Amino acid sequence: MRNIDEIDRKLLNILQDNSRVTIRELSERLHLSTTPIHERIKKLEKNGYIKRYITLLDPKALGKKLTVFISVSLSSHTKEVVDAFEHEVKRLPEVMECYYVSGNWDFLLKVQCNDMEDYHNFVIHKFSVIKNITQFYSSFVMSESKQTYKYEL
């Protein structure tokens, strides 16, 4: 981590827990006035430490009760084939995460669906029609032990 000090680390840790915390609350917790806090946040945003502010939703509350990890092999590893696959995957709202990986598979996808019927329709009508997929393997999540988006700084 370049160009951040202990106050920046504390600030980032607080924002990771609650990005809606007010500048006033931050200044009280970090014992600084509001202007330096605001300037530090802007610097952290500008330097790419803070990518964006989001609201994490509960997929189960939204009816997305089935989480599936799909391991994918492509027919070729040319830039055109990889780029085309990534482009198509980005258009699928069921795909929550996509990683180009090393090993036995080329990509690992995290997919959220309502149920098995919804997943079946996703595979038949949306996923399996993507060009250059030679095979894929589905792993169904039975339970979740840990999920975090917080980095320890």
C-alpha atoms as a PDB file:
ATOM      1  CA  MET A   1       0.000   0.000   0.000  1.00  0.00           C
ATOM      2  CA  ARG A   2       1.565   3.208  -1.129  1.00  0.00           C
ATOM      3  CA  ASN A   3       1.016   6.700   0.213  1.00  0.00           C
ATOM      4  CA  ILE A   4      -1.424   5.865   2.994  1.00  0.00           C
ATOM      5  CA  ASP A   5      -0.813   6.270   6.683  1.00  0.00           C
ATOM      6  CA  GLU A   6      -2.385   4.840   9.813  1.00  0.00           C
ATOM      7  CA  ILE A   7      -5.254   7.350   9.729  1.00  0.00           C
ATOM      8  CA  ASP A   8      -6.042   6.357   6.124  1.00  0.00           C
ATOM      9  CA  ARG A   9      -6.045   2.691   7.178  1.00  0.00           C
ATOM     10  CA  LYS A  10      -8.446   3.410  10.025  1.00  0.00           C
ATOM     11  CA  LEU A  11     -10.618   5.476   7.703  1.00  0.00           C
ATOM     12  CA  LEU A  12     -10.755   2.672   5.129  1.00  0.00           C
ATOM     13  CA  ASN A  13     -11.616   0.103   7.796  1.00  0.00           C
ATOM     14  CA  ILE A  14     -14.506   2.240   9.054  1.00  0.00           C
ATOM     15  CA  LEU A  15     -15.806   2.844   5.522  1.00  0.00           C
ATOM     16  CA  GLN A  16     -15.635  -0.883   4.746  1.00  0.00           C
ATOM     17  CA  ASP A  17     -17.982  -1.540   7.650  1.00  0.00           C
ATOM     18  CA  ASN A  18     -20.366   1.293   6.779  1.00  0.00           C
ATOM     19  CA  SER A  19     -19.856   3.520   3.750  1.00  0.00           C
ATOM     20  CA  ARG A  20     -22.799   5.665   4.853  1.00  0.00           C
ATOM     21  CA  VAL A  21     -21.036   6.916   7.974  1.00  0.00           C
ATOM     22  CA  THR A  22     -21.058  10.698   8.006  1.00  0.00           C
ATOM     23  CA  ILE A  23     -18.002  12.909   7.721  1.00  0.00           C
ATOM     24  CA  ARG A  24     -18.869  14.237  11.181  1.00  0.00           C
ATOM     25  CA  GLU A  25     -18.886  10.724  12.682  1.00  0.00           C
ATOM     26  CA  LEU A  26     -15.580   9.970  10.972  1.00  0.00           C
ATOM     27  CA  SER A  27     -14.023  13.137  12.321  1.00  0.00           C
ATOM     28  CA  GLU A  28     -15.158  12.252  15.848  1.00  0.00           C
ATOM     29  CA  ARG A  29     -13.867   8.691  15.629  1.00  0.00           C
ATOM     30  CA  LEU A  30     -10.537   9.688  14.099  1.00  0.00           C
ATOM     31  CA  HIS A  31     -10.092  12.885  16.141  1.00  0.00           C
ATOM     32  CA  LEU A  32      -9.708  15.147  13.099  1.00  0.00           C
ATOM     33  CA  SER A  33     -11.817  18.008  11.801  1.00  0.00           C
ATOM     34  CA  THR A  34     -14.198  17.383   8.920  1.00  0.00           C
ATOM     35  CA  THR A  35     -12.079  19.102   6.238  1.00  0.00           C
ATOM     36  CA  PRO A  36      -9.057  16.751   6.520  1.00  0.00           C
ATOM     37  CA  ILE A  37     -11.399  13.750   6.622  1.00  0.00           C
ATOM     38  CA  HIS A  38     -13.131  14.894   3.441  1.00  0.00           C
ATOM     39  CA  GLU A  39      -9.754  15.556   1.755  1.00  0.00           C
ATOM     40  CA  ARG A  40      -8.451  12.121   2.761  1.00  0.00           C
ATOM     41  CA  ILE A  41     -11.536  10.400   1.342  1.00  0.00           C
ATOM     42  CA  LYS A  42     -11.180  12.296  -1.950  1.00  0.00           C
ATOM     43  CA  LYS A  43      -7.467  11.345  -2.099  1.00  0.00           C
ATOM     44  CA  LEU A  44      -8.283   7.670  -1.431  1.00  0.00           C
ATOM     45  CA  GLU A  45     -10.923   7.744  -4.184  1.00  0.00           C
ATOM     46  CA  LYS A  46      -8.603   9.504  -6.648  1.00  0.00           C
ATOM     47  CA  ASN A  47      -5.743   7.064  -5.959  1.00  0.00           C
ATOM     48  CA  GLY A  48      -7.982   4.038  -6.512  1.00  0.00           C
ATOM     49  CA  TYR A  49      -8.171   2.685  -2.963  1.00  0.00           C
ATOM     50  CA  ILE A  50     -11.923   3.297  -2.944  1.00  0.00           C
ATOM     51  CA  LYS A  51     -13.430   1.969  -6.166  1.00  0.00           C
ATOM     52  CA  ARG A  52     -17.095   2.720  -5.479  1.00  0.00           C
ATOM     53  CA  TYR A  53     -19.789   2.740  -2.836  1.00  0.00           C
ATOM     54  CA  ILE A  54     -22.406  -0.001  -3.016  1.00  0.00           C
ATOM     55  CA  THR A  55     -25.290  -1.486  -1.068  1.00  0.00           C
ATOM     56  CA  LEU A  56     -24.997  -5.229  -0.474  1.00  0.00           C
ATOM     57  CA  LEU A  57     -28.319  -6.988  -0.885  1.00  0.00           C
ATOM     58  CA  ASP A  58     -29.343 -10.347   0.557  1.00  0.00           C
ATOM     59  CA  PRO A  59     -29.826 -12.661  -2.450  1.00  0.00           C
ATOM     60  CA  LYS A  60     -32.158 -14.964  -0.518  1.00  0.00           C
ATOM     61  CA  ALA A  61     -34.431 -12.044   0.381  1.00  0.00           C
ATOM     62  CA  LEU A  62     -34.611 -11.308  -3.355  1.00  0.00           C
ATOM     63  CA  GLY A  63     -35.541 -14.918  -4.141  1.00  0.00           C
ATOM     64  CA  LYS A  64     -32.048 -15.884  -5.352  1.00  0.00           C
ATOM     65  CA  LYS A  65     -31.791 -19.042  -3.283  1.00  0.00           C
ATOM     66  CA  LEU A  66     -29.446 -21.028  -5.540  1.00  0.00           C
ATOM     67  CA  THR A  67     -25.749 -20.185  -5.837  1.00  0.00           C
ATOM     68  CA  VAL A  68     -23.753 -22.074  -8.456  1.00  0.00           C
ATOM     69  CA  PHE A  69     -20.083 -21.970  -9.334  1.00  0.00           C
ATOM     70  CA  ILE A  70     -19.488 -22.858 -12.969  1.00  0.00           C
ATOM     71  CA  SER A  71     -16.062 -23.958 -14.178  1.00  0.00           C
ATOM     72  CA  VAL A  72     -15.705 -23.318 -17.919  1.00  0.00           C
ATOM     73  CA  SER A  73     -13.319 -24.557 -20.605  1.00  0.00           C
ATOM     74  CA  LEU A  74     -12.989 -22.679 -23.876  1.00  0.00           C
ATOM     75  CA  SER A  75     -12.032 -24.103 -27.258  1.00  0.00           C
ATOM     76  CA  SER A  76      -9.150 -21.671 -27.652  1.00  0.00           C
ATOM     77  CA  HIS A  77      -7.182 -19.201 -25.570  1.00  0.00           C
ATOM     78  CA  THR A  78      -6.743 -16.495 -28.158  1.00  0.00           C
ATOM     79  CA  LYS A  79      -7.416 -12.944 -27.108  1.00  0.00           C
ATOM     80  CA  GLU A  80     -10.445 -12.802 -29.409  1.00  0.00           C
ATOM     81  CA  VAL A  81     -12.049 -15.932 -27.911  1.00  0.00           C
ATOM     82  CA  VAL A  82     -11.378 -14.876 -24.316  1.00  0.00           C
ATOM     83  CA  ASP A  83     -12.599 -11.308 -24.937  1.00  0.00           C
ATOM     84  CA  ALA A  84     -15.744 -12.563 -26.699  1.00  0.00           C
ATOM     85  CA  PHE A  85     -16.545 -14.923 -23.815  1.00  0.00           C
ATOM     86  CA  GLU A  86     -16.030 -12.188 -21.223  1.00  0.00           C
ATOM     87  CA  HIS A  87     -18.210  -9.812 -23.254  1.00  0.00           C
ATOM     88  CA  GLU A  88     -21.073 -12.327 -23.383  1.00  0.00           C
ATOM     89  CA  VAL A  89     -20.804 -13.198 -19.684  1.00  0.00           C
ATOM     90  CA  LYS A  90     -20.952  -9.523 -18.686  1.00  0.00           C
ATOM     91  CA  ARG A  91     -24.374  -9.338 -20.338  1.00  0.00           C
ATOM     92  CA  LEU A  92     -25.840 -12.093 -18.143  1.00  0.00           C
ATOM     93  CA  PRO A  93     -27.397 -10.693 -14.958  1.00  0.00           C
ATOM     94  CA  GLU A  94     -27.293 -14.108 -13.283  1.00  0.00           C
ATOM     95  CA  VAL A  95     -23.472 -14.056 -13.386  1.00  0.00           C
ATOM     96  CA  MET A  96     -22.354 -12.180 -10.289  1.00  0.00           C
ATOM     97  CA  GLU A  97     -18.614 -12.786 -10.628  1.00  0.00           C
ATOM     98  CA  CYS A  98     -16.330 -13.976 -13.433  1.00  0.00           C
ATOM     99  CA  TYR A  99     -12.667 -14.917 -13.098  1.00  0.00           C
ATOM    100  CA  TYR A 100     -10.159 -15.938 -15.772  1.00  0.00           C
ATOM    101  CA  VAL A 101      -8.177 -18.629 -13.937  1.00  0.00           C
ATOM    102  CA  SER A 102      -5.251 -20.985 -14.388  1.00  0.00           C
ATOM    103  CA  GLY A 103      -5.494 -24.721 -13.927  1.00  0.00           C
ATOM    104  CA  ASN A 104      -7.871 -27.291 -15.386  1.00  0.00           C
ATOM    105  CA  TRP A 105     -10.511 -24.706 -16.279  1.00  0.00           C
ATOM    106  CA  ASP A 106     -10.344 -21.344 -18.043  1.00  0.00           C
ATOM    107  CA  PHE A 107     -13.029 -19.419 -16.156  1.00  0.00           C
ATOM    108  CA  LEU A 108     -14.824 -19.621 -12.850  1.00  0.00           C
ATOM    109  CA  LEU A 109     -18.243 -17.991 -12.613  1.00  0.00           C
ATOM    110  CA  LYS A 110     -20.469 -17.328  -9.623  1.00  0.00           C
ATOM    111  CA  VAL A 111     -24.122 -17.493 -10.640  1.00  0.00           C
ATOM    112  CA  GLN A 112     -27.222 -16.631  -8.594  1.00  0.00           C
ATOM    113  CA  CYS A 113     -30.608 -18.087  -9.577  1.00  0.00           C
ATOM    114  CA  ASN A 114     -34.002 -18.426  -7.962  1.00  0.00           C
ATOM    115  CA  ASP A 115     -34.008 -22.218  -7.987  1.00  0.00           C
ATOM    116  CA  MET A 116     -32.968 -25.251 -10.055  1.00  0.00           C
ATOM    117  CA  GLU A 117     -35.598 -24.587 -12.727  1.00  0.00           C
ATOM    118  CA  ASP A 118     -34.315 -21.020 -13.099  1.00  0.00           C
ATOM    119  CA  TYR A 119     -30.744 -22.350 -13.367  1.00  0.00           C
ATOM    120  CA  HIS A 120     -31.821 -24.887 -15.979  1.00  0.00           C
ATOM    121  CA  ASN A 121     -33.396 -22.107 -18.078  1.00  0.00           C
ATOM    122  CA  PHE A 122     -30.259 -19.983 -17.653  1.00  0.00           C
ATOM    123  CA  VAL A 123     -28.043 -22.826 -18.896  1.00  0.00           C
ATOM    124  CA  ILE A 124     -30.267 -23.845 -21.817  1.00  0.00           C
ATOM    125  CA  HIS A 125     -31.269 -20.422 -23.114  1.00  0.00           C
ATOM    126  CA  LYS A 126     -28.432 -18.088 -22.146  1.00  0.00           C
ATOM    127  CA  PHE A 127     -25.213 -19.806 -21.129  1.00  0.00           C
ATOM    128  CA  SER A 128     -24.853 -22.839 -23.386  1.00  0.00           C
ATOM    129  CA  VAL A 129     -25.407 -20.724 -26.504  1.00  0.00           C
ATOM    130  CA  ILE A 130     -22.171 -18.771 -25.904  1.00  0.00           C
ATOM    131  CA  LYS A 131     -19.653 -19.672 -28.600  1.00  0.00           C
ATOM    132  CA  ASN A 132     -16.389 -21.499 -27.889  1.00  0.00           C
ATOM    133  CA  ILE A 133     -17.458 -23.211 -24.659  1.00  0.00           C
ATOM    134  CA  THR A 134     -16.212 -26.790 -24.932  1.00  0.00           C
ATOM    135  CA  GLN A 135     -17.422 -27.914 -21.511  1.00  0.00           C
ATOM    136  CA  PHE A 136     -18.551 -26.629 -18.157  1.00  0.00           C
ATOM    137  CA  TYR A 137     -19.053 -28.079 -14.713  1.00  0.00           C
ATOM    138  CA  SER A 138     -21.582 -26.846 -12.163  1.00  0.00           C
ATOM    139  CA  SER A 139     -20.947 -26.912  -8.411  1.00  0.00           C
ATOM    140  CA  PHE A 140     -24.009 -26.134  -6.302  1.00  0.00           C
ATOM    141  CA  VAL A 141     -23.565 -24.342  -2.989  1.00  0.00           C
ATOM    142  CA  MET A 142     -25.133 -26.310  -0.154  1.00  0.00           C
ATOM    143  CA  SER A 143     -24.292 -23.830   2.612  1.00  0.00           C
ATOM    144  CA  GLU A 144     -22.212 -20.714   3.067  1.00  0.00           C
ATOM    145  CA  SER A 145     -19.593 -20.641   5.823  1.00  0.00           C
ATOM    146  CA  LYS A 146     -18.047 -17.253   5.182  1.00  0.00           C
ATOM    147  CA  GLN A 147     -18.628 -14.278   2.952  1.00  0.00           C
ATOM    148  CA  THR A 148     -16.746 -11.051   3.424  1.00  0.00           C
ATOM    149  CA  TYR A 149     -15.818  -8.078   1.338  1.00  0.00           C
ATOM    150  CA  LYS A 150     -13.630  -6.470   3.971  1.00  0.00           C
ATOM    151  CA  TYR A 151      -9.855  -6.331   3.675  1.00  0.00           C
ATOM    152  CA  GLU A 152      -7.913  -6.218   6.913  1.00  0.00           C
ATOM    153  CA  LEU A 153      -5.713  -3.132   6.781  1.00  0.00           C
END
